[in-house]
Amino acid sequence: EEHSEAVRAICNYMYRRPSQQVVLVSATIPKEVRDLASQFCRAGYDLLDCVGKESPTQETVEQLYAICPAFLTFAATNNLIREEVMANPTNHKVIVFFPTAP
């Protein structure tokens, strides 16, 4: 609930031009996320499910995390993404989540 309110506030803040494209990305697709998409995306939008419904996301998608000093966050993230792309040049998907500011 708190997360959807933050996303709603961000989307309401953005100036929308007719040519602007809105992309919402979520690691999971619960009803709450589908409701947000229907509110902020144009009619006829596409919902892309990269996992499927067979198993929960955390069971089917490899998830990694790294702990590092704040000043190294960008370099560490960049290096991890480069390693993934080099290991899987034609078959990789990367989503990075960062904590939000209080």
PDB file of N, CA and C in Angstrom:
ATOM      1  N   GLU A   1       0.830  -1.203   0.000  1.00  0.00           N
ATOM      2  CA  GLU A   1       0.000   0.000   0.000  1.00  0.00           C
ATOM      3  C   GLU A   1       0.868   1.258   0.000  1.00  0.00           C
ATOM      4  N   GLU A   2       1.849   1.302   0.879  1.00  0.00           N
ATOM      5  CA  GLU A   2       2.734   2.471   0.959  1.00  0.00           C
ATOM      6  C   GLU A   2       3.484   2.671  -0.358  1.00  0.00           C
ATOM      7  N   HIS A   3       3.934   1.552  -0.941  1.00  0.00           N
ATOM      8  CA  HIS A   3       4.666   1.619  -2.209  1.00  0.00           C
ATOM      9  C   HIS A   3       3.776   2.166  -3.325  1.00  0.00           C
ATOM     10  N   SER A   4       2.540   1.695  -3.396  1.00  0.00           N
ATOM     11  CA  SER A   4       1.658   2.166  -4.467  1.00  0.00           C
ATOM     12  C   SER A   4       1.338   3.646  -4.306  1.00  0.00           C
ATOM     13  N   GLU A   5       1.252   4.138  -3.084  1.00  0.00           N
ATOM     14  CA  GLU A   5       1.024   5.566  -2.864  1.00  0.00           C
ATOM     15  C   GLU A   5       2.225   6.382  -3.365  1.00  0.00           C
ATOM     16  N   ALA A   6       3.437   5.874  -3.144  1.00  0.00           N
ATOM     17  CA  ALA A   6       4.636   6.568  -3.626  1.00  0.00           C
ATOM     18  C   ALA A   6       4.654   6.599  -5.155  1.00  0.00           C
ATOM     19  N   VAL A   7       4.334   5.471  -5.788  1.00  0.00           N
ATOM     20  CA  VAL A   7       4.299   5.412  -7.258  1.00  0.00           C
ATOM     21  C   VAL A   7       3.220   6.354  -7.787  1.00  0.00           C
ATOM     22  N   ARG A   8       2.060   6.355  -7.149  1.00  0.00           N
ATOM     23  CA  ARG A   8       0.963   7.243  -7.566  1.00  0.00           C
ATOM     24  C   ARG A   8       1.397   8.708  -7.469  1.00  0.00           C
ATOM     25  N   ALA A   9       2.079   9.078  -6.387  1.00  0.00           N
ATOM     26  CA  ALA A   9       2.537  10.461  -6.212  1.00  0.00           C
ATOM     27  C   ALA A   9       3.539  10.844  -7.297  1.00  0.00           C
ATOM     28  N   ILE A  10       4.461   9.946  -7.640  1.00  0.00           N
ATOM     29  CA  ILE A  10       5.442  10.214  -8.695  1.00  0.00           C
ATOM     30  C   ILE A  10       4.737  10.397 -10.035  1.00  0.00           C
ATOM     31  N   CYS A  11       3.817   9.510 -10.365  1.00  0.00           N
ATOM     32  CA  CYS A  11       3.104   9.601 -11.638  1.00  0.00           C
ATOM     33  C   CYS A  11       2.257  10.871 -11.708  1.00  0.00           C
ATOM     34  N   ASN A  12       1.648  11.268 -10.605  1.00  0.00           N
ATOM     35  CA  ASN A  12       0.859  12.499 -10.596  1.00  0.00           C
ATOM     36  C   ASN A  12       1.739  13.734 -10.741  1.00  0.00           C
ATOM     37  N   TYR A  13       2.979  13.653 -10.282  1.00  0.00           N
ATOM     38  CA  TYR A  13       3.905  14.778 -10.340  1.00  0.00           C
ATOM     39  C   TYR A  13       4.433  15.026 -11.756  1.00  0.00           C
ATOM     40  N   MET A  14       4.558  13.948 -12.519  1.00  0.00           N
ATOM     41  CA  MET A  14       5.135  14.060 -13.857  1.00  0.00           C
ATOM     42  C   MET A  14       4.220  14.844 -14.788  1.00  0.00           C
ATOM     43  N   TYR A  15       4.838  15.720 -15.568  1.00  0.00           N
ATOM     44  CA  TYR A  15       4.101  16.429 -16.619  1.00  0.00           C
ATOM     45  C   TYR A  15       3.911  15.453 -17.763  1.00  0.00           C
ATOM     46  N   ARG A  16       2.691  15.294 -18.231  1.00  0.00           N
ATOM     47  CA  ARG A  16       2.434  14.334 -19.299  1.00  0.00           C
ATOM     48  C   ARG A  16       2.172  15.047 -20.619  1.00  0.00           C
ATOM     49  N   ARG A  17       2.956  14.695 -21.593  1.00  0.00           N
ATOM     50  CA  ARG A  17       2.740  15.166 -22.964  1.00  0.00           C
ATOM     51  C   ARG A  17       2.060  14.023 -23.714  1.00  0.00           C
ATOM     52  N   PRO A  18       1.318  14.357 -24.781  1.00  0.00           N
ATOM     53  CA  PRO A  18       0.649  13.295 -25.547  1.00  0.00           C
ATOM     54  C   PRO A  18       1.624  12.230 -26.056  1.00  0.00           C
ATOM     55  N   SER A  19       2.866  12.628 -26.340  1.00  0.00           N
ATOM     56  CA  SER A  19       3.832  11.671 -26.886  1.00  0.00           C
ATOM     57  C   SER A  19       4.614  10.934 -25.788  1.00  0.00           C
ATOM     58  N   GLN A  20       4.384  11.277 -24.530  1.00  0.00           N
ATOM     59  CA  GLN A  20       5.148  10.670 -23.435  1.00  0.00           C
ATOM     60  C   GLN A  20       4.744   9.218 -23.239  1.00  0.00           C
ATOM     61  N   GLN A  21       5.729   8.407 -22.962  1.00  0.00           N
ATOM     62  CA  GLN A  21       5.489   6.989 -22.721  1.00  0.00           C
ATOM     63  C   GLN A  21       5.751   6.703 -21.252  1.00  0.00           C
ATOM     64  N   VAL A  22       4.846   6.000 -20.597  1.00  0.00           N
ATOM     65  CA  VAL A  22       5.004   5.622 -19.198  1.00  0.00           C
ATOM     66  C   VAL A  22       5.287   4.133 -19.137  1.00  0.00           C
ATOM     67  N   VAL A  23       6.333   3.771 -18.417  1.00  0.00           N
ATOM     68  CA  VAL A  23       6.677   2.367 -18.247  1.00  0.00           C
ATOM     69  C   VAL A  23       6.731   2.086 -16.750  1.00  0.00           C
ATOM     70  N   LEU A  24       5.921   1.166 -16.292  1.00  0.00           N
ATOM     71  CA  LEU A  24       5.942   0.742 -14.907  1.00  0.00           C
ATOM     72  C   LEU A  24       6.615  -0.623 -14.849  1.00  0.00           C
ATOM     73  N   VAL A  25       7.555  -0.784 -13.937  1.00  0.00           N
ATOM     74  CA  VAL A  25       8.285  -2.044 -13.812  1.00  0.00           C
ATOM     75  C   VAL A  25       8.073  -2.564 -12.404  1.00  0.00           C
ATOM     76  N   SER A  26       7.736  -3.825 -12.298  1.00  0.00           N
ATOM     77  CA  SER A  26       7.536  -4.439 -10.996  1.00  0.00           C
ATOM     78  C   SER A  26       8.083  -5.855 -11.024  1.00  0.00           C
ATOM     79  N   ALA A  27       8.695  -6.267  -9.926  1.00  0.00           N
ATOM     80  CA  ALA A  27       9.218  -7.637  -9.845  1.00  0.00           C
ATOM     81  C   ALA A  27       8.081  -8.645  -9.735  1.00  0.00           C
ATOM     82  N   THR A  28       6.947  -8.204  -9.271  1.00  0.00           N
ATOM     83  CA  THR A  28       5.756  -9.050  -9.178  1.00  0.00           C
ATOM     84  C   THR A  28       4.589  -8.274  -9.768  1.00  0.00           C
ATOM     85  N   ILE A  29       3.516  -8.967 -10.108  1.00  0.00           N
ATOM     86  CA  ILE A  29       2.379  -8.299 -10.736  1.00  0.00           C
ATOM     87  C   ILE A  29       1.101  -8.591  -9.933  1.00  0.00           C
ATOM     88  N   PRO A  30       1.023  -8.126  -8.696  1.00  0.00           N
ATOM     89  CA  PRO A  30      -0.223  -8.319  -7.946  1.00  0.00           C
ATOM     90  C   PRO A  30      -1.306  -7.373  -8.454  1.00  0.00           C
ATOM     91  N   LYS A  31      -2.526  -7.545  -7.960  1.00  0.00           N
ATOM     92  CA  LYS A  31      -3.649  -6.698  -8.368  1.00  0.00           C
ATOM     93  C   LYS A  31      -3.324  -5.219  -8.174  1.00  0.00           C
ATOM     94  N   GLU A  32      -2.645  -4.877  -7.120  1.00  0.00           N
ATOM     95  CA  GLU A  32      -2.276  -3.494  -6.833  1.00  0.00           C
ATOM     96  C   GLU A  32      -1.468  -2.874  -7.989  1.00  0.00           C
ATOM     97  N   VAL A  33      -0.527  -3.648  -8.543  1.00  0.00           N
ATOM     98  CA  VAL A  33       0.295  -3.159  -9.659  1.00  0.00           C
ATOM     99  C   VAL A  33      -0.551  -3.058 -10.931  1.00  0.00           C
ATOM    100  N   ARG A  34      -1.412  -4.036 -11.174  1.00  0.00           N
ATOM    101  CA  ARG A  34      -2.295  -3.963 -12.346  1.00  0.00           C
ATOM    102  C   ARG A  34      -3.222  -2.747 -12.259  1.00  0.00           C
ATOM    103  N   ASP A  35      -3.695  -2.434 -11.047  1.00  0.00           N
ATOM    104  CA  ASP A  35      -4.545  -1.255 -10.865  1.00  0.00           C
ATOM    105  C   ASP A  35      -3.780   0.027 -11.182  1.00  0.00           C
ATOM    106  N   LEU A  36      -2.522   0.108 -10.725  1.00  0.00           N
ATOM    107  CA  LEU A  36      -1.701   1.290 -11.028  1.00  0.00           C
ATOM    108  C   LEU A  36      -1.482   1.422 -12.527  1.00  0.00           C
ATOM    109  N   ALA A  37      -1.195   0.308 -13.180  1.00  0.00           N
ATOM    110  CA  ALA A  37      -0.961   0.339 -14.629  1.00  0.00           C
ATOM    111  C   ALA A  37      -2.201   0.833 -15.357  1.00  0.00           C
ATOM    112  N   SER A  38      -3.367   0.364 -14.963  1.00  0.00           N
ATOM    113  CA  SER A  38      -4.587   0.790 -15.652  1.00  0.00           C
ATOM    114  C   SER A  38      -4.879   2.270 -15.407  1.00  0.00           C
ATOM    115  N   GLN A  39      -4.399   2.794 -14.282  1.00  0.00           N
ATOM    116  CA  GLN A  39      -4.624   4.206 -13.973  1.00  0.00           C
ATOM    117  C   GLN A  39      -3.674   5.130 -14.731  1.00  0.00           C
ATOM    118  N   PHE A  40      -2.413   4.718 -14.921  1.00  0.00           N
ATOM    119  CA  PHE A  40      -1.410   5.619 -15.471  1.00  0.00           C
ATOM    120  C   PHE A  40      -0.973   5.305 -16.897  1.00  0.00           C
ATOM    121  N   CYS A  41      -1.379   4.181 -17.435  1.00  0.00           N
ATOM    122  CA  CYS A  41      -1.003   3.841 -18.810  1.00  0.00           C
ATOM    123  C   CYS A  41      -2.198   4.090 -19.733  1.00  0.00           C
ATOM    124  N   ARG A  42      -1.908   4.336 -20.992  1.00  0.00           N
ATOM    125  CA  ARG A  42      -2.975   4.555 -21.968  1.00  0.00           C
ATOM    126  C   ARG A  42      -3.802   3.281 -22.148  1.00  0.00           C
ATOM    127  N   ALA A  43      -5.028   3.476 -22.599  1.00  0.00           N
ATOM    128  CA  ALA A  43      -5.897   2.335 -22.891  1.00  0.00           C
ATOM    129  C   ALA A  43      -5.206   1.434 -23.904  1.00  0.00           C
ATOM    130  N   GLY A  44      -5.345   0.151 -23.725  1.00  0.00           N
ATOM    131  CA  GLY A  44      -4.730  -0.803 -24.639  1.00  0.00           C
ATOM    132  C   GLY A  44      -3.258  -1.068 -24.347  1.00  0.00           C
ATOM    133  N   TYR A  45      -2.773  -0.684 -23.159  1.00  0.00           N
ATOM    134  CA  TYR A  45      -1.365  -0.914 -22.815  1.00  0.00           C
ATOM    135  C   TYR A  45      -1.062  -2.409 -22.775  1.00  0.00           C
ATOM    136  N   ASP A  46       0.207  -2.747 -22.914  1.00  0.00           N
ATOM    137  CA  ASP A  46       0.640  -4.147 -22.845  1.00  0.00           C
ATOM    138  C   ASP A  46       1.217  -4.439 -21.477  1.00  0.00           C
ATOM    139  N   LEU A  47       0.884  -5.581 -20.928  1.00  0.00           N
ATOM    140  CA  LEU A  47       1.446  -6.062 -19.677  1.00  0.00           C
ATOM    141  C   LEU A  47       2.374  -7.218 -20.021  1.00  0.00           C
ATOM    142  N   LEU A  48       3.650  -7.055 -19.752  1.00  0.00           N
ATOM    143  CA  LEU A  48       4.631  -8.086 -20.078  1.00  0.00           C
ATOM    144  C   LEU A  48       5.001  -8.839 -18.805  1.00  0.00           C
ATOM    145  N   ASP A  49       4.726 -10.120 -18.785  1.00  0.00           N
ATOM    146  CA  ASP A  49       5.063 -10.972 -17.641  1.00  0.00           C
ATOM    147  C   ASP A  49       6.249 -11.825 -18.047  1.00  0.00           C
ATOM    148  N   CYS A  50       7.401 -11.532 -17.471  1.00  0.00           N
ATOM    149  CA  CYS A  50       8.630 -12.239 -17.847  1.00  0.00           C
ATOM    150  C   CYS A  50       8.861 -13.497 -17.022  1.00  0.00           C
ATOM    151  N   VAL A  51       7.976 -13.793 -16.084  1.00  0.00           N
ATOM    152  CA  VAL A  51       8.172 -14.939 -15.200  1.00  0.00           C
ATOM    153  C   VAL A  51       7.122 -16.013 -15.441  1.00  0.00           C
ATOM    154  N   GLY A  52       5.873 -15.631 -15.568  1.00  0.00           N
ATOM    155  CA  GLY A  52       4.795 -16.594 -15.707  1.00  0.00           C
ATOM    156  C   GLY A  52       4.134 -16.844 -14.374  1.00  0.00           C
ATOM    157  N   LYS A  53       3.142 -17.682 -14.378  1.00  0.00           N
ATOM    158  CA  LYS A  53       2.358 -17.906 -13.166  1.00  0.00           C
ATOM    159  C   LYS A  53       2.619 -19.259 -12.523  1.00  0.00           C
ATOM    160  N   GLU A  54       3.567 -20.014 -13.034  1.00  0.00           N
ATOM    161  CA  GLU A  54       3.794 -21.356 -12.512  1.00  0.00           C
ATOM    162  C   GLU A  54       4.271 -21.347 -11.059  1.00  0.00           C
ATOM    163  N   SER A  55       5.207 -20.463 -10.744  1.00  0.00           N
ATOM    164  CA  SER A  55       5.787 -20.404  -9.412  1.00  0.00           C
ATOM    165  C   SER A  55       5.983 -18.945  -9.025  1.00  0.00           C
ATOM    166  N   PRO A  56       6.077 -18.692  -7.718  1.00  0.00           N
ATOM    167  CA  PRO A  56       6.370 -17.314  -7.297  1.00  0.00           C
ATOM    168  C   PRO A  56       7.709 -16.836  -7.853  1.00  0.00           C
ATOM    169  N   THR A  57       7.808 -15.535  -8.090  1.00  0.00           N
ATOM    170  CA  THR A  57       9.010 -14.939  -8.665  1.00  0.00           C
ATOM    171  C   THR A  57      10.264 -15.367  -7.938  1.00  0.00           C
ATOM    172  N   GLN A  58      10.248 -15.318  -6.609  1.00  0.00           N
ATOM    173  CA  GLN A  58      11.454 -15.619  -5.846  1.00  0.00           C
ATOM    174  C   GLN A  58      11.932 -17.059  -6.033  1.00  0.00           C
ATOM    175  N   GLU A  59      11.067 -17.947  -6.537  1.00  0.00           N
ATOM    176  CA  GLU A  59      11.472 -19.334  -6.768  1.00  0.00           C
ATOM    177  C   GLU A  59      11.984 -19.577  -8.181  1.00  0.00           C
ATOM    178  N   THR A  60      11.651 -18.696  -9.134  1.00  0.00           N
ATOM    179  CA  THR A  60      12.007 -18.949 -10.524  1.00  0.00           C
ATOM    180  C   THR A  60      13.029 -17.982 -11.096  1.00  0.00           C
ATOM    181  N   VAL A  61      13.237 -16.837 -10.445  1.00  0.00           N
ATOM    182  CA  VAL A  61      14.156 -15.832 -10.954  1.00  0.00           C
ATOM    183  C   VAL A  61      15.345 -15.729 -10.013  1.00  0.00           C
ATOM    184  N   GLU A  62      16.538 -15.871 -10.572  1.00  0.00           N
ATOM    185  CA  GLU A  62      17.734 -15.740  -9.759  1.00  0.00           C
ATOM    186  C   GLU A  62      17.810 -14.319  -9.212  1.00  0.00           C
ATOM    187  N   GLN A  63      17.988 -14.218  -7.917  1.00  0.00           N
ATOM    188  CA  GLN A  63      18.081 -12.917  -7.281  1.00  0.00           C
ATOM    189  C   GLN A  63      19.406 -12.824  -6.546  1.00  0.00           C
ATOM    190  N   LEU A  64      20.070 -11.702  -6.710  1.00  0.00           N
ATOM    191  CA  LEU A  64      21.369 -11.471  -6.082  1.00  0.00           C
ATOM    192  C   LEU A  64      21.317 -10.169  -5.318  1.00  0.00           C
ATOM    193  N   TYR A  65      22.183 -10.035  -4.357  1.00  0.00           N
ATOM    194  CA  TYR A  65      22.306  -8.755  -3.680  1.00  0.00           C
ATOM    195  C   TYR A  65      23.767  -8.515  -3.359  1.00  0.00           C
ATOM    196  N   ALA A  66      24.098  -7.259  -3.178  1.00  0.00           N
ATOM    197  CA  ALA A  66      25.469  -6.880  -2.848  1.00  0.00           C
ATOM    198  C   ALA A  66      25.417  -5.833  -1.747  1.00  0.00           C
ATOM    199  N   ILE A  67      26.351  -5.917  -0.845  1.00  0.00           N
ATOM    200  CA  ILE A  67      26.475  -4.927   0.220  1.00  0.00           C
ATOM    201  C   ILE A  67      27.819  -4.240   0.033  1.00  0.00           C
ATOM    202  N   CYS A  68      27.787  -2.913  -0.041  1.00  0.00           N
ATOM    203  CA  CYS A  68      29.015  -2.162  -0.235  1.00  0.00           C
ATOM    204  C   CYS A  68      28.843  -0.768   0.359  1.00  0.00           C
ATOM    205  N   PRO A  69      29.949  -0.068   0.574  1.00  0.00           N
ATOM    206  CA  PRO A  69      29.836   1.309   1.066  1.00  0.00           C
ATOM    207  C   PRO A  69      29.067   2.158   0.055  1.00  0.00           C
ATOM    208  N   ALA A  70      28.337   3.136   0.538  1.00  0.00           N
ATOM    209  CA  ALA A  70      27.486   3.967  -0.322  1.00  0.00           C
ATOM    210  C   ALA A  70      28.254   4.583  -1.486  1.00  0.00           C
ATOM    211  N   PHE A  71      29.481   5.028  -1.255  1.00  0.00           N
ATOM    212  CA  PHE A  71      30.227   5.700  -2.331  1.00  0.00           C
ATOM    213  C   PHE A  71      30.622   4.743  -3.444  1.00  0.00           C
ATOM    214  N   LEU A  72      30.521   3.443  -3.219  1.00  0.00           N
ATOM    215  CA  LEU A  72      30.854   2.460  -4.253  1.00  0.00           C
ATOM    216  C   LEU A  72      29.616   1.876  -4.938  1.00  0.00           C
ATOM    217  N   THR A  73      28.437   2.352  -4.581  1.00  0.00           N
ATOM    218  CA  THR A  73      27.196   1.771  -5.102  1.00  0.00           C
ATOM    219  C   THR A  73      27.148   1.773  -6.624  1.00  0.00           C
ATOM    220  N   PHE A  74      27.437   2.908  -7.254  1.00  0.00           N
ATOM    221  CA  PHE A  74      27.360   2.980  -8.710  1.00  0.00           C
ATOM    222  C   PHE A  74      28.380   2.043  -9.354  1.00  0.00           C
ATOM    223  N   ALA A  75      29.618   2.076  -8.900  1.00  0.00           N
ATOM    224  CA  ALA A  75      30.668   1.238  -9.490  1.00  0.00           C
ATOM    225  C   ALA A  75      30.342  -0.249  -9.313  1.00  0.00           C
ATOM    226  N   ALA A  76      29.888  -0.622  -8.122  1.00  0.00           N
ATOM    227  CA  ALA A  76      29.566  -2.030  -7.871  1.00  0.00           C
ATOM    228  C   ALA A  76      28.395  -2.485  -8.743  1.00  0.00           C
ATOM    229  N   THR A  77      27.356  -1.650  -8.849  1.00  0.00           N
ATOM    230  CA  THR A  77      26.199  -1.992  -9.675  1.00  0.00           C
ATOM    231  C   THR A  77      26.605  -2.111 -11.139  1.00  0.00           C
ATOM    232  N   ASN A  78      27.377  -1.169 -11.618  1.00  0.00           N
ATOM    233  CA  ASN A  78      27.858  -1.193 -12.995  1.00  0.00           C
ATOM    234  C   ASN A  78      28.659  -2.472 -13.265  1.00  0.00           C
ATOM    235  N   ASN A  79      29.551  -2.833 -12.371  1.00  0.00           N
ATOM    236  CA  ASN A  79      30.364  -4.038 -12.561  1.00  0.00           C
ATOM    237  C   ASN A  79      29.513  -5.303 -12.573  1.00  0.00           C
ATOM    238  N   LEU A  80      28.544  -5.391 -11.667  1.00  0.00           N
ATOM    239  CA  LEU A  80      27.675  -6.572 -11.628  1.00  0.00           C
ATOM    240  C   LEU A  80      26.850  -6.710 -12.907  1.00  0.00           C
ATOM    241  N   ILE A  81      26.334  -5.594 -13.408  1.00  0.00           N
ATOM    242  CA  ILE A  81      25.552  -5.641 -14.649  1.00  0.00           C
ATOM    243  C   ILE A  81      26.444  -6.041 -15.823  1.00  0.00           C
ATOM    244  N   ARG A  82      27.638  -5.475 -15.903  1.00  0.00           N
ATOM    245  CA  ARG A  82      28.575  -5.841 -16.988  1.00  0.00           C
ATOM    246  C   ARG A  82      28.895  -7.333 -16.953  1.00  0.00           C
ATOM    247  N   GLU A  83      29.118  -7.873 -15.755  1.00  0.00           N
ATOM    248  CA  GLU A  83      29.402  -9.310 -15.623  1.00  0.00           C
ATOM    249  C   GLU A  83      28.229 -10.150 -16.127  1.00  0.00           C
ATOM    250  N   GLU A  84      27.016  -9.757 -15.772  1.00  0.00           N
ATOM    251  CA  GLU A  84      25.832 -10.497 -16.219  1.00  0.00           C
ATOM    252  C   GLU A  84      25.687 -10.450 -17.731  1.00  0.00           C
ATOM    253  N   VAL A  85      25.867  -9.274 -18.315  1.00  0.00           N
ATOM    254  CA  VAL A  85      25.748  -9.130 -19.769  1.00  0.00           C
ATOM    255  C   VAL A  85      26.832  -9.939 -20.477  1.00  0.00           C
ATOM    256  N   MET A  86      28.043  -9.923 -19.949  1.00  0.00           N
ATOM    257  CA  MET A  86      29.127 -10.696 -20.576  1.00  0.00           C
ATOM    258  C   MET A  86      28.869 -12.200 -20.453  1.00  0.00           C
ATOM    259  N   ALA A  87      28.312 -12.621 -19.332  1.00  0.00           N
ATOM    260  CA  ALA A  87      28.038 -14.053 -19.141  1.00  0.00           C
ATOM    261  C   ALA A  87      26.865 -14.523 -19.994  1.00  0.00           C
ATOM    262  N   ASN A  88      25.904 -13.639 -20.262  1.00  0.00           N
ATOM    263  CA  ASN A  88      24.716 -13.978 -21.041  1.00  0.00           C
ATOM    264  C   ASN A  88      24.443 -12.867 -22.055  1.00  0.00           C
ATOM    265  N   PRO A  89      25.265 -12.765 -23.101  1.00  0.00           N
ATOM    266  CA  PRO A  89      25.162 -11.624 -24.016  1.00  0.00           C
ATOM    267  C   PRO A  89      23.827 -11.483 -24.734  1.00  0.00           C
ATOM    268  N   THR A  90      23.109 -12.571 -24.948  1.00  0.00           N
ATOM    269  CA  THR A  90      21.852 -12.459 -25.689  1.00  0.00           C
ATOM    270  C   THR A  90      20.639 -12.843 -24.859  1.00  0.00           C
ATOM    271  N   ASN A  91      20.840 -13.170 -23.594  1.00  0.00           N
ATOM    272  CA  ASN A  91      19.717 -13.624 -22.772  1.00  0.00           C
ATOM    273  C   ASN A  91      19.881 -13.127 -21.339  1.00  0.00           C
ATOM    274  N   HIS A  92      19.647 -11.850 -21.144  1.00  0.00           N
ATOM    275  CA  HIS A  92      19.748 -11.312 -19.794  1.00  0.00           C
ATOM    276  C   HIS A  92      18.669 -10.260 -19.554  1.00  0.00           C
ATOM    277  N   LYS A  93      18.218 -10.200 -18.331  1.00  0.00           N
ATOM    278  CA  LYS A  93      17.285  -9.170 -17.890  1.00  0.00           C
ATOM    279  C   LYS A  93      17.809  -8.700 -16.547  1.00  0.00           C
ATOM    280  N   VAL A  94      17.841  -7.403 -16.361  1.00  0.00           N
ATOM    281  CA  VAL A  94      18.371  -6.844 -15.121  1.00  0.00           C
ATOM    282  C   VAL A  94      17.407  -5.791 -14.610  1.00  0.00           C
ATOM    283  N   ILE A  95      17.012  -5.922 -13.364  1.00  0.00           N
ATOM    284  CA  ILE A  95      16.247  -4.892 -12.671  1.00  0.00           C
ATOM    285  C   ILE A  95      16.998  -4.591 -11.390  1.00  0.00           C
ATOM    286  N   VAL A  96      17.242  -3.323 -11.132  1.00  0.00           N
ATOM    287  CA  VAL A  96      17.981  -2.924  -9.950  1.00  0.00           C
ATOM    288  C   VAL A  96      17.036  -2.144  -9.048  1.00  0.00           C
ATOM    289  N   PHE A  97      16.971  -2.532  -7.789  1.00  0.00           N
ATOM    290  CA  PHE A  97      16.157  -1.826  -6.810  1.00  0.00           C
ATOM    291  C   PHE A  97      17.085  -1.141  -5.814  1.00  0.00           C
ATOM    292  N   PHE A  98      16.799   0.108  -5.524  1.00  0.00           N
ATOM    293  CA  PHE A  98      17.545   0.873  -4.521  1.00  0.00           C
ATOM    294  C   PHE A  98      16.570   1.304  -3.441  1.00  0.00           C
ATOM    295  N   PRO A  99      17.054   1.501  -2.239  1.00  0.00           N
ATOM    296  CA  PRO A  99      16.159   2.030  -1.201  1.00  0.00           C
ATOM    297  C   PRO A  99      15.733   3.447  -1.565  1.00  0.00           C
ATOM    298  N   THR A 100      14.523   3.800  -1.176  1.00  0.00           N
ATOM    299  CA  THR A 100      14.055   5.158  -1.442  1.00  0.00           C
ATOM    300  C   THR A 100      14.450   6.061  -0.287  1.00  0.00           C
ATOM    301  N   ALA A 101      14.543   7.341  -0.577  1.00  0.00           N
ATOM    302  CA  ALA A 101      14.918   8.314   0.456  1.00  0.00           C
ATOM    303  C   ALA A 101      13.778   8.446   1.464  1.00  0.00           C
ATOM    304  N   PRO A 102      14.115   8.630   2.728  1.00  0.00           N
ATOM    305  CA  PRO A 102      13.053   8.766   3.756  1.00  0.00           C
ATOM    306  C   PRO A 102      12.285  10.060   3.605  1.00  0.00           C
TER     307      PRO A 102
END
